[in-house]
Amino acid sequence: MFIDGRMIAISDEEYESTRLQLDLPSDFVLIEATSFLHHDTGNGHVTIPLPKDYIVAAFEGRNGRRLYGVVLIKDLSRVQASA
């Protein structure tokens, strides 16, 4: 999967865990992610780095509907460092 524009390999179990953490049906797939929370305050854009191993994940269903959420991927920082 892509995290902040970099290809990062995660296991099938970790992939499934991200979907289950957000209680999404099986037709939703992880399409991209970032380790930063981006927020438009109305007075400007704020970027907040998330704690180690957390990401904001974008999932998309077969009908094109996108859902976003913050999920934990254990040892993600180790995987990112080796990429």
Protein backbone atom coordinates (compact mmCIF):
# COMPACT_ATOMS: atom_id res chain seq x y z
CA MET A 1 0.00 0.00 0.00
CA PHE A 2 1.02 3.63 -0.40
CA ILE A 3 1.76 5.61 2.76
CA ASP A 4 2.72 9.23 2.15
CA GLY A 5 3.51 8.34 -1.47
CA ARG A 6 5.87 5.46 -0.59
CA MET A 7 5.07 1.81 -1.30
CA ILE A 8 5.04 -0.11 2.00
CA ALA A 9 4.39 -3.87 2.18
CA ILE A 10 2.14 -5.10 4.99
CA SER A 11 0.90 -8.61 5.67
CA ASP A 12 -2.58 -9.82 4.73
CA GLU A 13 -3.42 -10.02 8.45
CA GLU A 14 -2.40 -6.40 9.02
CA TYR A 15 -4.39 -5.35 5.96
CA GLU A 16 -7.50 -7.15 7.23
CA SER A 17 -6.96 -5.68 10.70
CA THR A 18 -7.11 -2.12 9.31
CA ARG A 19 -10.52 -2.80 7.75
CA LEU A 20 -11.84 -4.49 10.90
CA GLN A 21 -10.65 -1.63 13.15
CA LEU A 22 -13.08 0.63 11.29
CA ASP A 23 -15.81 -2.06 11.15
CA LEU A 24 -15.96 -1.88 7.35
CA PRO A 25 -17.56 -4.55 5.15
CA SER A 26 -15.32 -6.85 3.13
CA ASP A 27 -15.94 -4.96 -0.15
CA PHE A 28 -13.96 -1.95 1.13
CA VAL A 29 -10.31 -1.88 0.09
CA LEU A 30 -7.47 0.24 1.41
CA ILE A 31 -6.39 2.60 -1.35
CA GLU A 32 -3.97 5.02 0.34
CA ALA A 33 -2.80 6.26 3.71
CA THR A 34 -0.82 8.99 5.45
CA SER A 35 0.94 9.25 8.79
CA PHE A 36 -0.31 12.84 9.16
CA LEU A 37 -3.70 14.20 10.10
CA HIS A 38 -4.52 17.17 7.87
CA HIS A 39 -7.12 19.62 9.17
CA ASP A 40 -8.50 22.80 7.62
CA THR A 41 -9.36 25.06 10.55
CA GLY A 42 -11.05 27.68 8.39
CA ASN A 43 -8.14 29.97 9.20
CA GLY A 44 -5.48 27.77 7.66
CA HIS A 45 -4.28 24.23 7.18
CA VAL A 46 -2.81 22.30 10.12
CA THR A 47 -0.76 19.11 9.73
CA ILE A 48 -0.50 16.90 12.82
CA PRO A 49 1.93 13.95 12.85
CA LEU A 50 0.26 10.83 14.21
CA PRO A 51 1.84 8.65 16.92
CA LYS A 52 4.12 5.82 15.83
CA ASP A 53 2.34 3.02 13.90
CA TYR A 54 -0.89 5.01 13.36
CA ILE A 55 -2.13 6.13 9.94
CA VAL A 56 -5.13 7.86 8.43
CA ALA A 57 -6.40 5.28 5.95
CA ALA A 58 -8.65 5.83 2.93
CA PHE A 59 -10.90 2.90 2.02
CA GLU A 60 -13.13 2.62 -1.01
CA GLY A 61 -16.14 0.37 -1.58
CA ARG A 62 -17.24 -1.19 -4.87
CA ASN A 63 -19.77 1.62 -5.33
CA GLY A 64 -16.99 4.27 -5.15
CA ARG A 65 -17.87 5.43 -1.65
CA ARG A 66 -14.78 6.46 0.35
CA LEU A 67 -14.40 6.24 4.09
CA TYR A 68 -11.49 7.45 6.20
CA GLY A 69 -10.27 6.55 9.66
CA VAL A 70 -7.24 6.32 11.92
CA VAL A 71 -5.92 2.78 12.34
CA LEU A 72 -3.01 1.06 14.08
CA ILE A 73 -0.61 -1.17 12.14
CA LYS A 74 1.73 -2.88 14.58
CA ASP A 75 5.43 -2.42 13.79
CA LEU A 76 4.62 -0.07 10.89
CA SER A 77 7.51 2.21 11.81
CA ARG A 78 9.89 -0.77 11.54
CA VAL A 79 8.54 -1.66 8.10
CA GLN A 80 8.78 1.96 6.92
CA ALA A 81 12.39 2.23 8.11
CA SER A 82 13.40 -0.82 6.09
CA ALA A 83 11.68 0.42 2.90
